[in-house]
PDB file of N, CA and C in Angstrom:
ATOM      1  N   MET A   1      -7.119   3.648  19.332  1.00  0.00           N
ATOM      2  CA  MET A   1      -5.974   3.591  20.269  1.00  0.00           C
ATOM      3  C   MET A   1      -5.682   1.929  19.991  1.00  0.00           C
ATOM      4  N   SER A   2      -6.058   1.483  20.036  1.00  0.00           N
ATOM      5  CA  SER A   2      -5.554  -0.569  19.566  1.00  0.00           C
ATOM      6  C   SER A   2      -5.029  -0.582  18.200  1.00  0.00           C
ATOM      7  N   SER A   3      -5.633   0.627  17.342  1.00  0.00           N
ATOM      8  CA  SER A   3      -5.488   0.462  16.481  1.00  0.00           C
ATOM      9  C   SER A   3      -4.118   1.175  15.790  1.00  0.00           C
ATOM     10  N   ASN A   4      -3.455   2.040  16.097  1.00  0.00           N
ATOM     11  CA  ASN A   4      -2.505   2.979  16.167  1.00  0.00           C
ATOM     12  C   ASN A   4      -1.243   2.041  16.983  1.00  0.00           C
ATOM     13  N   PHE A   5      -1.591   1.386  18.236  1.00  0.00           N
ATOM     14  CA  PHE A   5      -1.046   0.256  18.897  1.00  0.00           C
ATOM     15  C   PHE A   5      -0.269  -1.418  17.865  1.00  0.00           C
ATOM     16  N   ARG A   6      -1.448  -1.196  17.728  1.00  0.00           N
ATOM     17  CA  ARG A   6      -1.341  -2.504  15.983  1.00  0.00           C
ATOM     18  C   ARG A   6      -0.087  -1.305  14.489  1.00  0.00           C
ATOM     19  N   HIS A   7      -0.295  -0.364  14.906  1.00  0.00           N
ATOM     20  CA  HIS A   7       0.514   0.140  13.670  1.00  0.00           C
ATOM     21  C   HIS A   7       1.803   0.477  13.932  1.00  0.00           C
ATOM     22  N   GLN A   8       1.815   0.305  15.503  1.00  0.00           N
ATOM     23  CA  GLN A   8       3.488   0.841  15.893  1.00  0.00           C
ATOM     24  C   GLN A   8       4.067  -0.428  16.149  1.00  0.00           C
ATOM     25  N   LEU A   9       3.216  -1.294  16.340  1.00  0.00           N
ATOM     26  CA  LEU A   9       4.080  -2.737  16.201  1.00  0.00           C
ATOM     27  C   LEU A   9       4.385  -3.660  15.123  1.00  0.00           C
ATOM     28  N   LEU A  10       3.402  -3.236  14.124  1.00  0.00           N
ATOM     29  CA  LEU A  10       3.769  -3.822  12.837  1.00  0.00           C
ATOM     30  C   LEU A  10       5.228  -3.236  12.063  1.00  0.00           C
ATOM     31  N   SER A  11       5.107  -2.187  12.661  1.00  0.00           N
ATOM     32  CA  SER A  11       6.020  -1.323  11.992  1.00  0.00           C
ATOM     33  C   SER A  11       7.614  -1.512  12.709  1.00  0.00           C
ATOM     34  N   LEU A  12       7.702  -1.595  13.775  1.00  0.00           N
ATOM     35  CA  LEU A  12       8.661  -2.154  14.943  1.00  0.00           C
ATOM     36  C   LEU A  12       9.021  -3.371  14.157  1.00  0.00           C
ATOM     37  N   SER A  13       8.003  -4.355  13.720  1.00  0.00           N
ATOM     38  CA  SER A  13       8.267  -6.022  13.252  1.00  0.00           C
ATOM     39  C   SER A  13       8.883  -5.404  11.994  1.00  0.00           C
ATOM     40  N   LEU A  14       8.269  -4.800  10.987  1.00  0.00           N
ATOM     41  CA  LEU A  14       9.138  -4.713  10.274  1.00  0.00           C
ATOM     42  C   LEU A  14      10.205  -3.631   9.740  1.00  0.00           C
ATOM     43  N   LEU A  15      10.544  -2.991  10.829  1.00  0.00           N
ATOM     44  CA  LEU A  15      11.877  -2.357  10.979  1.00  0.00           C
ATOM     45  C   LEU A  15      13.138  -3.644  11.243  1.00  0.00           C
ATOM     46  N   VAL A  16      12.433  -4.492  12.312  1.00  0.00           N
ATOM     47  CA  VAL A  16      13.865  -5.729  12.820  1.00  0.00           C
ATOM     48  C   VAL A  16      13.571  -6.533  12.195  1.00  0.00           C
ATOM     49  N   GLY A  17      13.023  -6.777  11.351  1.00  0.00           N
ATOM     50  CA  GLY A  17      12.841  -7.687   9.962  1.00  0.00           C
ATOM     51  C   GLY A  17      13.797  -7.676   8.872  1.00  0.00           C
ATOM     52  N   ILE A  18      13.666  -5.969   8.769  1.00  0.00           N
ATOM     53  CA  ILE A  18      15.183  -5.698   8.097  1.00  0.00           C
ATOM     54  C   ILE A  18      16.231  -4.817   8.130  1.00  0.00           C
ATOM     55  N   ALA A  19      16.399  -4.841   9.371  1.00  0.00           N
ATOM     56  CA  ALA A  19      17.504  -4.401  10.348  1.00  0.00           C
ATOM     57  C   ALA A  19      18.159  -5.486  10.714  1.00  0.00           C
ATOM     58  N   ALA A  20      17.658  -6.460  11.411  1.00  0.00           N
ATOM     59  CA  ALA A  20      18.433  -7.593  11.513  1.00  0.00           C
ATOM     60  C   ALA A  20      19.588  -8.398  10.309  1.00  0.00           C
ATOM     61  N   PRO A  21      19.256  -8.748   9.451  1.00  0.00           N
ATOM     62  CA  PRO A  21      19.839  -9.158   7.682  1.00  0.00           C
ATOM     63  C   PRO A  21      21.185  -7.808   8.200  1.00  0.00           C
ATOM     64  N   TRP A  22      20.768  -6.221   8.179  1.00  0.00           N
ATOM     65  CA  TRP A  22      22.027  -5.595   7.852  1.00  0.00           C
ATOM     66  C   TRP A  22      22.961  -5.376   8.481  1.00  0.00           C
ATOM     67  N   ALA A  23      22.574  -5.993   9.913  1.00  0.00           N
ATOM     68  CA  ALA A  23      23.401  -5.515  11.167  1.00  0.00           C
ATOM     69  C   ALA A  23      24.169  -6.627  11.195  1.00  0.00           C
ATOM     70  N   ALA A  24      23.840  -8.265  10.707  1.00  0.00           N
ATOM     71  CA  ALA A  24      24.584  -9.142  10.777  1.00  0.00           C
ATOM     72  C   ALA A  24      25.674  -8.642   9.226  1.00  0.00           C
ATOM     73  N   PHE A  25      25.205  -8.657   8.375  1.00  0.00           N
ATOM     74  CA  PHE A  25      25.786  -7.808   6.886  1.00  0.00           C
ATOM     75  C   PHE A  25      26.984  -7.151   7.467  1.00  0.00           C
ATOM     76  N   ALA A  26      26.988  -6.141   8.455  1.00  0.00           N
ATOM     77  CA  ALA A  26      27.618  -4.623   8.832  1.00  0.00           C
ATOM     78  C   ALA A  26      28.822  -5.628   9.369  1.00  0.00           C
ATOM     79  N   GLN A  27      28.990  -6.815   9.751  1.00  0.00           N
ATOM     80  CA  GLN A  27      30.019  -7.395  10.737  1.00  0.00           C
ATOM     81  C   GLN A  27      31.217  -7.817  10.167  1.00  0.00           C
ATOM     82  N   ALA A  28      30.654  -7.961   8.451  1.00  0.00           N
ATOM     83  CA  ALA A  28      31.659  -8.006   7.882  1.00  0.00           C
ATOM     84  C   ALA A  28      32.880  -7.707   8.102  1.00  0.00           C
ATOM     85  N   PRO A  29      34.453  -8.178   7.853  1.00  0.00           N
ATOM     86  CA  PRO A  29      35.628  -7.245   8.157  1.00  0.00           C
ATOM     87  C   PRO A  29      35.245  -6.479   6.379  1.00  0.00           C
ATOM     88  N   ILE A  30      35.239  -5.555   6.595  1.00  0.00           N
ATOM     89  CA  ILE A  30      35.745  -4.791   5.136  1.00  0.00           C
ATOM     90  C   ILE A  30      36.933  -3.924   5.239  1.00  0.00           C
ATOM     91  N   SER A  31      37.953  -3.348   6.608  1.00  0.00           N
ATOM     92  CA  SER A  31      38.387  -2.993   6.672  1.00  0.00           C
ATOM     93  C   SER A  31      39.683  -3.147   6.097  1.00  0.00           C
ATOM     94  N   SER A  32      39.922  -4.718   6.034  1.00  0.00           N
ATOM     95  CA  SER A  32      41.038  -4.992   5.326  1.00  0.00           C
ATOM     96  C   SER A  32      41.004  -5.237   3.396  1.00  0.00           C
ATOM     97  N   VAL A  33      40.119  -4.538   2.950  1.00  0.00           N
ATOM     98  CA  VAL A  33      40.261  -4.402   1.799  1.00  0.00           C
ATOM     99  C   VAL A  33      41.018  -3.884   1.104  1.00  0.00           C
ATOM    100  N   GLY A  34      41.677  -2.860   1.914  1.00  0.00           N
ATOM    101  CA  GLY A  34      42.937  -2.031   0.650  1.00  0.00           C
ATOM    102  C   GLY A  34      44.425  -2.880   1.460  1.00  0.00           C
ATOM    103  N   SER A  35      44.193  -3.737   1.833  1.00  0.00           N
ATOM    104  CA  SER A  35      45.573  -4.517   2.407  1.00  0.00           C
ATOM    105  C   SER A  35      45.449  -5.045   1.642  1.00  0.00           C
ATOM    106  N   GLY A  36      46.879  -6.096   1.512  1.00  0.00           N
ATOM    107  CA  GLY A  36      47.216  -7.230   1.519  1.00  0.00           C
ATOM    108  C   GLY A  36      47.335  -7.527  -0.322  1.00  0.00           C
ATOM    109  N   SER A  37      47.298  -8.634  -0.640  1.00  0.00           N
ATOM    110  CA  SER A  37      47.847  -8.646  -1.767  1.00  0.00           C
ATOM    111  C   SER A  37      46.388  -9.084  -2.742  1.00  0.00           C
ATOM    112  N   VAL A  38      46.711  -8.837  -4.237  1.00  0.00           N
ATOM    113  CA  VAL A  38      45.327  -8.621  -5.158  1.00  0.00           C
ATOM    114  C   VAL A  38      44.399  -9.682  -4.871  1.00  0.00           C
ATOM    115  N   GLU A  39      44.824 -10.401  -4.720  1.00  0.00           N
ATOM    116  CA  GLU A  39      44.108 -12.096  -5.150  1.00  0.00           C
ATOM    117  C   GLU A  39      43.271 -11.994  -3.210  1.00  0.00           C
ATOM    118  N   ASP A  40      43.829 -11.386  -2.314  1.00  0.00           N
ATOM    119  CA  ASP A  40      43.172 -11.478  -0.696  1.00  0.00           C
ATOM    120  C   ASP A  40      41.811 -10.191  -1.059  1.00  0.00           C
ATOM    121  N   ARG A  41      42.068  -9.345  -1.927  1.00  0.00           N
ATOM    122  CA  ARG A  41      41.201  -8.726  -1.753  1.00  0.00           C
ATOM    123  C   ARG A  41      40.403  -8.689  -2.856  1.00  0.00           C
ATOM    124  N   VAL A  42      40.530  -9.465  -3.802  1.00  0.00           N
ATOM    125  CA  VAL A  42      39.014  -9.935  -5.168  1.00  0.00           C
ATOM    126  C   VAL A  42      38.468 -10.936  -4.245  1.00  0.00           C
ATOM    127  N   THR A  43      39.129 -12.154  -3.482  1.00  0.00           N
ATOM    128  CA  THR A  43      38.370 -12.768  -2.742  1.00  0.00           C
ATOM    129  C   THR A  43      37.551 -12.204  -1.669  1.00  0.00           C
ATOM    130  N   GLN A  44      37.847 -11.149  -0.805  1.00  0.00           N
ATOM    131  CA  GLN A  44      37.478 -10.228   0.021  1.00  0.00           C
ATOM    132  C   GLN A  44      36.191  -9.186  -0.622  1.00  0.00           C
ATOM    133  N   LEU A  45      36.442  -9.375  -1.893  1.00  0.00           N
ATOM    134  CA  LEU A  45      35.366  -8.366  -2.966  1.00  0.00           C
ATOM    135  C   LEU A  45      34.315  -9.285  -3.267  1.00  0.00           C
ATOM    136  N   GLU A  46      34.540 -10.453  -3.235  1.00  0.00           N
ATOM    137  CA  GLU A  46      33.727 -11.719  -3.630  1.00  0.00           C
ATOM    138  C   GLU A  46      33.121 -12.102  -2.635  1.00  0.00           C
ATOM    139  N   ARG A  47      33.582 -12.358  -1.424  1.00  0.00           N
ATOM    140  CA  ARG A  47      32.383 -12.391  -0.102  1.00  0.00           C
ATOM    141  C   ARG A  47      31.350 -11.311  -0.131  1.00  0.00           C
ATOM    142  N   ILE A  48      31.706 -10.274  -0.024  1.00  0.00           N
ATOM    143  CA  ILE A  48      30.954  -9.213   0.208  1.00  0.00           C
ATOM    144  C   ILE A  48      29.921  -9.068  -0.701  1.00  0.00           C
ATOM    145  N   SER A  49      30.750  -9.296  -2.633  1.00  0.00           N
ATOM    146  CA  SER A  49      29.222  -9.553  -3.584  1.00  0.00           C
ATOM    147  C   SER A  49      28.753 -10.347  -2.939  1.00  0.00           C
ATOM    148  N   ASN A  50      28.556 -12.086  -2.467  1.00  0.00           N
ATOM    149  CA  ASN A  50      28.025 -12.877  -1.946  1.00  0.00           C
ATOM    150  C   ASN A  50      27.198 -12.666  -0.736  1.00  0.00           C
ATOM    151  N   ALA A  51      27.466 -11.905   0.156  1.00  0.00           N
ATOM    152  CA  ALA A  51      26.401 -11.176   1.459  1.00  0.00           C
ATOM    153  C   ALA A  51      25.731 -10.139   0.969  1.00  0.00           C
ATOM    154  N   HIS A  52      25.998  -9.310  -0.070  1.00  0.00           N
ATOM    155  CA  HIS A  52      25.095  -8.471  -0.967  1.00  0.00           C
ATOM    156  C   HIS A  52      24.006  -9.600  -1.448  1.00  0.00           C
ATOM    157  N   SER A  53      24.546 -10.604  -2.173  1.00  0.00           N
ATOM    158  CA  SER A  53      23.335 -11.357  -3.054  1.00  0.00           C
ATOM    159  C   SER A  53      22.757 -12.011  -1.907  1.00  0.00           C
ATOM    160  N   GLN A  54      23.327 -12.793  -1.062  1.00  0.00           N
ATOM    161  CA  GLN A  54      22.266 -13.349  -0.176  1.00  0.00           C
ATOM    162  C   GLN A  54      21.423 -12.297   0.684  1.00  0.00           C
ATOM    163  N   LEU A  55      21.664 -11.550   0.990  1.00  0.00           N
ATOM    164  CA  LEU A  55      20.844  -9.934   1.428  1.00  0.00           C
ATOM    165  C   LEU A  55      19.554 -10.040   0.838  1.00  0.00           C
ATOM    166  N   LEU A  56      20.294  -9.319  -0.829  1.00  0.00           N
ATOM    167  CA  LEU A  56      19.280  -9.057  -1.162  1.00  0.00           C
ATOM    168  C   LEU A  56      18.045 -10.420  -1.594  1.00  0.00           C
ATOM    169  N   THR A  57      17.810 -11.514  -1.745  1.00  0.00           N
ATOM    170  CA  THR A  57      17.842 -12.651  -1.632  1.00  0.00           C
ATOM    171  C   THR A  57      16.873 -12.687  -0.526  1.00  0.00           C
ATOM    172  N   GLN A  58      17.132 -12.594   0.574  1.00  0.00           N
ATOM    173  CA  GLN A  58      16.185 -12.771   1.666  1.00  0.00           C
ATOM    174  C   GLN A  58      15.307 -11.618   1.608  1.00  0.00           C
ATOM    175  N   LEU A  59      15.807 -10.507   1.190  1.00  0.00           N
ATOM    176  CA  LEU A  59      14.667  -9.110   1.448  1.00  0.00           C
ATOM    177  C   LEU A  59      13.075  -9.205   0.153  1.00  0.00           C
ATOM    178  N   GLN A  60      14.236 -10.068  -0.917  1.00  0.00           N
ATOM    179  CA  GLN A  60      13.252 -10.849  -1.739  1.00  0.00           C
ATOM    180  C   GLN A  60      12.228 -11.438  -1.115  1.00  0.00           C
ATOM    181  N   GLN A  61      12.539 -12.718  -0.489  1.00  0.00           N
ATOM    182  CA  GLN A  61      11.553 -13.707  -0.035  1.00  0.00           C
ATOM    183  C   GLN A  61      10.802 -12.760   1.205  1.00  0.00           C
ATOM    184  N   GLN A  62      11.449 -12.217   1.560  1.00  0.00           N
ATOM    185  CA  GLN A  62      10.459 -11.253   2.642  1.00  0.00           C
ATOM    186  C   GLN A  62       9.755 -10.392   2.651  1.00  0.00           C
ATOM    187  N   LEU A  63      10.112  -9.782   1.188  1.00  0.00           N
ATOM    188  CA  LEU A  63       8.812  -8.385   0.663  1.00  0.00           C
ATOM    189  C   LEU A  63       7.736  -9.803  -0.072  1.00  0.00           C
ATOM    190  N   SER A  64       8.333 -10.950  -0.842  1.00  0.00           N
ATOM    191  CA  SER A  64       7.456 -11.534  -0.885  1.00  0.00           C
ATOM    192  C   SER A  64       6.512 -12.373  -0.172  1.00  0.00           C
ATOM    193  N   ASP A  65       7.213 -12.838   1.109  1.00  0.00           N
ATOM    194  CA  ASP A  65       6.138 -13.173   2.051  1.00  0.00           C
ATOM    195  C   ASP A  65       5.576 -12.117   3.002  1.00  0.00           C
ATOM    196  N   ASN A  66       5.609 -11.225   3.053  1.00  0.00           N
ATOM    197  CA  ASN A  66       4.760  -9.851   3.183  1.00  0.00           C
ATOM    198  C   ASN A  66       3.694  -9.525   2.314  1.00  0.00           C
ATOM    199  N   GLN A  67       4.176  -9.524   1.053  1.00  0.00           N
ATOM    200  CA  GLN A  67       2.997  -9.593   0.266  1.00  0.00           C
ATOM    201  C   GLN A  67       1.829 -10.222   0.274  1.00  0.00           C
ATOM    202  N   SER A  68       2.312 -11.674   0.445  1.00  0.00           N
ATOM    203  CA  SER A  68       1.241 -12.500   0.322  1.00  0.00           C
ATOM    204  C   SER A  68       0.536 -12.363   1.818  1.00  0.00           C
ATOM    205  N   ASP A  69       1.024 -12.226   2.783  1.00  0.00           N
ATOM    206  CA  ASP A  69       0.193 -12.057   4.633  1.00  0.00           C
ATOM    207  C   ASP A  69      -0.756 -10.733   4.307  1.00  0.00           C
ATOM    208  N   ILE A  70       0.003  -9.390   3.558  1.00  0.00           N
ATOM    209  CA  ILE A  70      -1.312  -8.811   3.006  1.00  0.00           C
ATOM    210  C   ILE A  70      -2.104  -9.489   2.090  1.00  0.00           C
ATOM    211  N   ASP A  71      -2.618  -9.878   1.125  1.00  0.00           N
ATOM    212  CA  ASP A  71      -3.060 -10.524   0.469  1.00  0.00           C
ATOM    213  C   ASP A  71      -4.369 -11.204   1.036  1.00  0.00           C
ATOM    214  N   SER A  72      -3.718 -12.346   2.128  1.00  0.00           N
ATOM    215  CA  SER A  72      -4.320 -12.990   2.917  1.00  0.00           C
ATOM    216  C   SER A  72      -5.377 -11.723   4.178  1.00  0.00           C
ATOM    217  N   LEU A  73      -4.470 -11.022   4.679  1.00  0.00           N
ATOM    218  CA  LEU A  73      -5.371  -9.808   5.273  1.00  0.00           C
ATOM    219  C   LEU A  73      -6.185  -9.244   4.754  1.00  0.00           C
ATOM    220  N   ARG A  74      -6.234  -8.754   3.199  1.00  0.00           N
ATOM    221  CA  ARG A  74      -7.087  -8.143   2.469  1.00  0.00           C
ATOM    222  C   ARG A  74      -8.595  -9.363   2.619  1.00  0.00           C
ATOM    223  N   GLY A  75      -8.219 -10.109   2.236  1.00  0.00           N
ATOM    224  CA  GLY A  75      -9.062 -11.229   2.171  1.00  0.00           C
ATOM    225  C   GLY A  75     -10.264 -11.282   3.307  1.00  0.00           C
ATOM    226  N   GLN A  76      -9.527 -11.411   4.255  1.00  0.00           N
ATOM    227  CA  GLN A  76      -9.896 -12.007   6.081  1.00  0.00           C
ATOM    228  C   GLN A  76     -11.117 -10.043   6.133  1.00  0.00           C
ATOM    229  N   ILE A  77     -10.358  -8.988   6.134  1.00  0.00           N
ATOM    230  CA  ILE A  77     -11.001  -7.818   5.967  1.00  0.00           C
ATOM    231  C   ILE A  77     -12.064  -7.735   5.274  1.00  0.00           C
ATOM    232  N   GLN A  78     -12.388  -8.720   4.226  1.00  0.00           N
ATOM    233  CA  GLN A  78     -13.096  -8.357   2.737  1.00  0.00           C
ATOM    234  C   GLN A  78     -14.614  -9.379   3.688  1.00  0.00           C
ATOM    235  N   GLU A  79     -13.939 -10.522   4.027  1.00  0.00           N
ATOM    236  CA  GLU A  79     -14.970 -11.786   4.682  1.00  0.00           C
ATOM    237  C   GLU A  79     -15.367 -10.410   5.794  1.00  0.00           C
ATOM    238  N   ASN A  80     -14.729  -9.892   6.498  1.00  0.00           N
ATOM    239  CA  ASN A  80     -15.365  -9.444   7.871  1.00  0.00           C
ATOM    240  C   ASN A  80     -16.595  -8.517   7.825  1.00  0.00           C
ATOM    241  N   GLN A  81     -15.934  -7.561   6.695  1.00  0.00           N
ATOM    242  CA  GLN A  81     -16.652  -6.559   6.481  1.00  0.00           C
ATOM    243  C   GLN A  81     -18.212  -6.899   5.541  1.00  0.00           C
ATOM    244  N   TYR A  82     -18.248  -8.021   5.246  1.00  0.00           N
ATOM    245  CA  TYR A  82     -19.215  -9.100   4.704  1.00  0.00           C
ATOM    246  C   TYR A  82     -20.196  -9.365   5.703  1.00  0.00           C
ATOM    247  N   GLN A  83     -19.866 -10.184   6.760  1.00  0.00           N
ATOM    248  CA  GLN A  83     -20.710 -10.982   7.520  1.00  0.00           C
ATOM    249  C   GLN A  83     -20.379  -9.498   8.935  1.00  0.00           C
ATOM    250  N   LEU A  84     -19.943  -8.381   8.826  1.00  0.00           N
ATOM    251  CA  LEU A  84     -20.670  -7.254   9.556  1.00  0.00           C
ATOM    252  C   LEU A  84     -21.435  -6.799   9.323  1.00  0.00           C
ATOM    253  N   ASN A  85     -21.526  -6.236   7.410  1.00  0.00           N
ATOM    254  CA  ASN A  85     -22.847  -6.317   6.652  1.00  0.00           C
ATOM    255  C   ASN A  85     -24.267  -6.787   7.056  1.00  0.00           C
ATOM    256  N   GLN A  86     -23.707  -8.220   7.201  1.00  0.00           N
ATOM    257  CA  GLN A  86     -25.253  -9.126   7.422  1.00  0.00           C
ATOM    258  C   GLN A  86     -25.129  -8.762   8.600  1.00  0.00           C
ATOM    259  N   VAL A  87     -24.614  -8.567   9.583  1.00  0.00           N
ATOM    260  CA  VAL A  87     -24.934  -8.379  11.174  1.00  0.00           C
ATOM    261  C   VAL A  87     -26.077  -7.396  11.090  1.00  0.00           C
ATOM    262  N   VAL A  88     -25.397  -6.410  10.850  1.00  0.00           N
ATOM    263  CA  VAL A  88     -26.520  -5.005  10.815  1.00  0.00           C
ATOM    264  C   VAL A  88     -27.775  -4.872  10.099  1.00  0.00           C
ATOM    265  N   GLU A  89     -27.947  -5.137   8.863  1.00  0.00           N
ATOM    266  CA  GLU A  89     -28.992  -5.741   8.427  1.00  0.00           C
ATOM    267  C   GLU A  89     -29.579  -6.797   8.667  1.00  0.00           C
ATOM    268  N   ARG A  90     -29.489  -8.214   9.651  1.00  0.00           N
ATOM    269  CA  ARG A  90     -30.182  -8.355  10.921  1.00  0.00           C
ATOM    270  C   ARG A  90     -30.807  -7.540  11.718  1.00  0.00           C
ATOM    271  N   GLN A  91     -30.120  -6.747  12.523  1.00  0.00           N
ATOM    272  CA  GLN A  91     -30.361  -6.073  13.160  1.00  0.00           C
ATOM    273  C   GLN A  91     -32.117  -5.356  12.899  1.00  0.00           C
ATOM    274  N   LYS A  92     -31.408  -4.755  11.859  1.00  0.00           N
ATOM    275  CA  LYS A  92     -32.332  -4.039  10.408  1.00  0.00           C
ATOM    276  C   LYS A  92     -33.731  -4.153  10.899  1.00  0.00           C
ATOM    277  N   GLN A  93     -33.810  -5.506  10.553  1.00  0.00           N
ATOM    278  CA  GLN A  93     -34.948  -6.596  10.735  1.00  0.00           C
ATOM    279  C   GLN A  93     -35.774  -6.779  11.517  1.00  0.00           C
ATOM    280  N   ILE A  94     -35.080  -6.559  12.656  1.00  0.00           N
ATOM    281  CA  ILE A  94     -35.253  -7.514  14.018  1.00  0.00           C
ATOM    282  C   ILE A  94     -36.009  -6.203  14.674  1.00  0.00           C
ATOM    283  N   LEU A  95     -35.027  -5.145  14.665  1.00  0.00           N
ATOM    284  CA  LEU A  95     -36.014  -3.251  14.313  1.00  0.00           C
ATOM    285  C   LEU A  95     -36.915  -3.519  14.224  1.00  0.00           C
ATOM    286  N   LEU A  96     -37.021  -3.442  13.018  1.00  0.00           N
ATOM    287  CA  LEU A  96     -38.449  -3.557  12.325  1.00  0.00           C
ATOM    288  C   LEU A  96     -39.355  -4.437  12.868  1.00  0.00           C
ATOM    289  N   GLN A  97     -38.920  -5.709  13.152  1.00  0.00           N
ATOM    290  CA  GLN A  97     -39.905  -6.562  13.944  1.00  0.00           C
ATOM    291  C   GLN A  97     -40.558  -5.999  14.820  1.00  0.00           C
ATOM    292  N   ILE A  98     -39.487  -5.590  15.724  1.00  0.00           N
ATOM    293  CA  ILE A  98     -40.115  -5.302  17.481  1.00  0.00           C
ATOM    294  C   ILE A  98     -41.094  -3.861  17.452  1.00  0.00           C
ATOM    295  N   ASP A  99     -40.379  -2.511  16.361  1.00  0.00           N
ATOM    296  CA  ASP A  99     -41.569  -2.039  15.761  1.00  0.00           C
ATOM    297  C   ASP A  99     -42.868  -2.258  15.588  1.00  0.00           C
ATOM    298  N   SER A 100     -43.111  -2.752  14.775  1.00  0.00           N
ATOM    299  CA  SER A 100     -44.176  -3.678  14.348  1.00  0.00           C
ATOM    300  C   SER A 100     -45.093  -4.281  15.013  1.00  0.00           C
ATOM    301  N   LEU A 101     -44.111  -4.963  16.247  1.00  0.00           N
ATOM    302  CA  LEU A 101     -44.813  -5.705  17.205  1.00  0.00           C
ATOM    303  C   LEU A 101     -45.485  -4.629  18.261  1.00  0.00           C
ATOM    304  N   SER A 102     -44.371  -3.704  18.434  1.00  0.00           N
ATOM    305  CA  SER A 102     -44.915  -3.135  19.583  1.00  0.00           C
ATOM    306  C   SER A 102     -45.915  -1.884  18.998  1.00  0.00           C
ATOM    307  N   SER A 103     -46.156  -1.712  17.756  1.00  0.00           N
ATOM    308  CA  SER A 103     -46.939  -0.898  17.114  1.00  0.00           C
ATOM    309  C   SER A 103     -48.568  -1.866  17.406  1.00  0.00           C
ATOM    310  N   GLY A 104     -48.285  -2.769  16.788  1.00  0.00           N
ATOM    311  CA  GLY A 104     -49.555  -3.578  16.373  1.00  0.00           C
ATOM    312  C   GLY A 104     -50.462  -4.009  18.510  1.00  0.00           C
ATOM    313  N   GLY A 105     -49.601  -4.061  19.020  1.00  0.00           N
ATOM    314  CA  GLY A 105     -49.679  -4.542  20.281  1.00  0.00           C
ATOM    315  C   GLY A 105     -50.339  -3.311  21.202  1.00  0.00           C
ATOM    316  N   ALA A 106     -49.750  -2.070  21.003  1.00  0.00           N
ATOM    317  CA  ALA A 106     -50.392  -0.771  21.627  1.00  0.00           C
ATOM    318  C   ALA A 106     -51.989  -0.381  20.815  1.00  0.00           C
ATOM    319  N   ALA A 107     -52.011  -0.869  19.570  1.00  0.00           N
ATOM    320  CA  ALA A 107     -53.140  -0.580  19.116  1.00  0.00           C
ATOM    321  C   ALA A 107     -54.374  -1.601  19.506  1.00  0.00           C
ATOM    322  N   ALA A 108     -53.981  -2.803  19.785  1.00  0.00           N
ATOM    323  CA  ALA A 108     -54.718  -3.671  20.569  1.00  0.00           C
ATOM    324  C   ALA A 108     -55.731  -3.871  21.804  1.00  0.00           C
TER     325      ALA A 108
END
């Protein structure tokens, strides 16, 4: 259940992270592209192109940051798995010792 919640929270965070720049870009006035002089239209298209470039740069940076976070989390998972395996092995040893002591104590 907790894992499902984390998954949904991560999905929502990614959605907001991607949608927010698009929402800001969507507010750019594109309707005036068809009216005005050629220079005005070229200027408007240049602004749109620059906004696209900035958005792509932001998305690439976000992707890079996310990949870095994923790599870090993978490393942490591997470390946690190793530590968990160590704990399990230690518990097995302790149980064997307890079993050995119980068997030895019952015989005495």
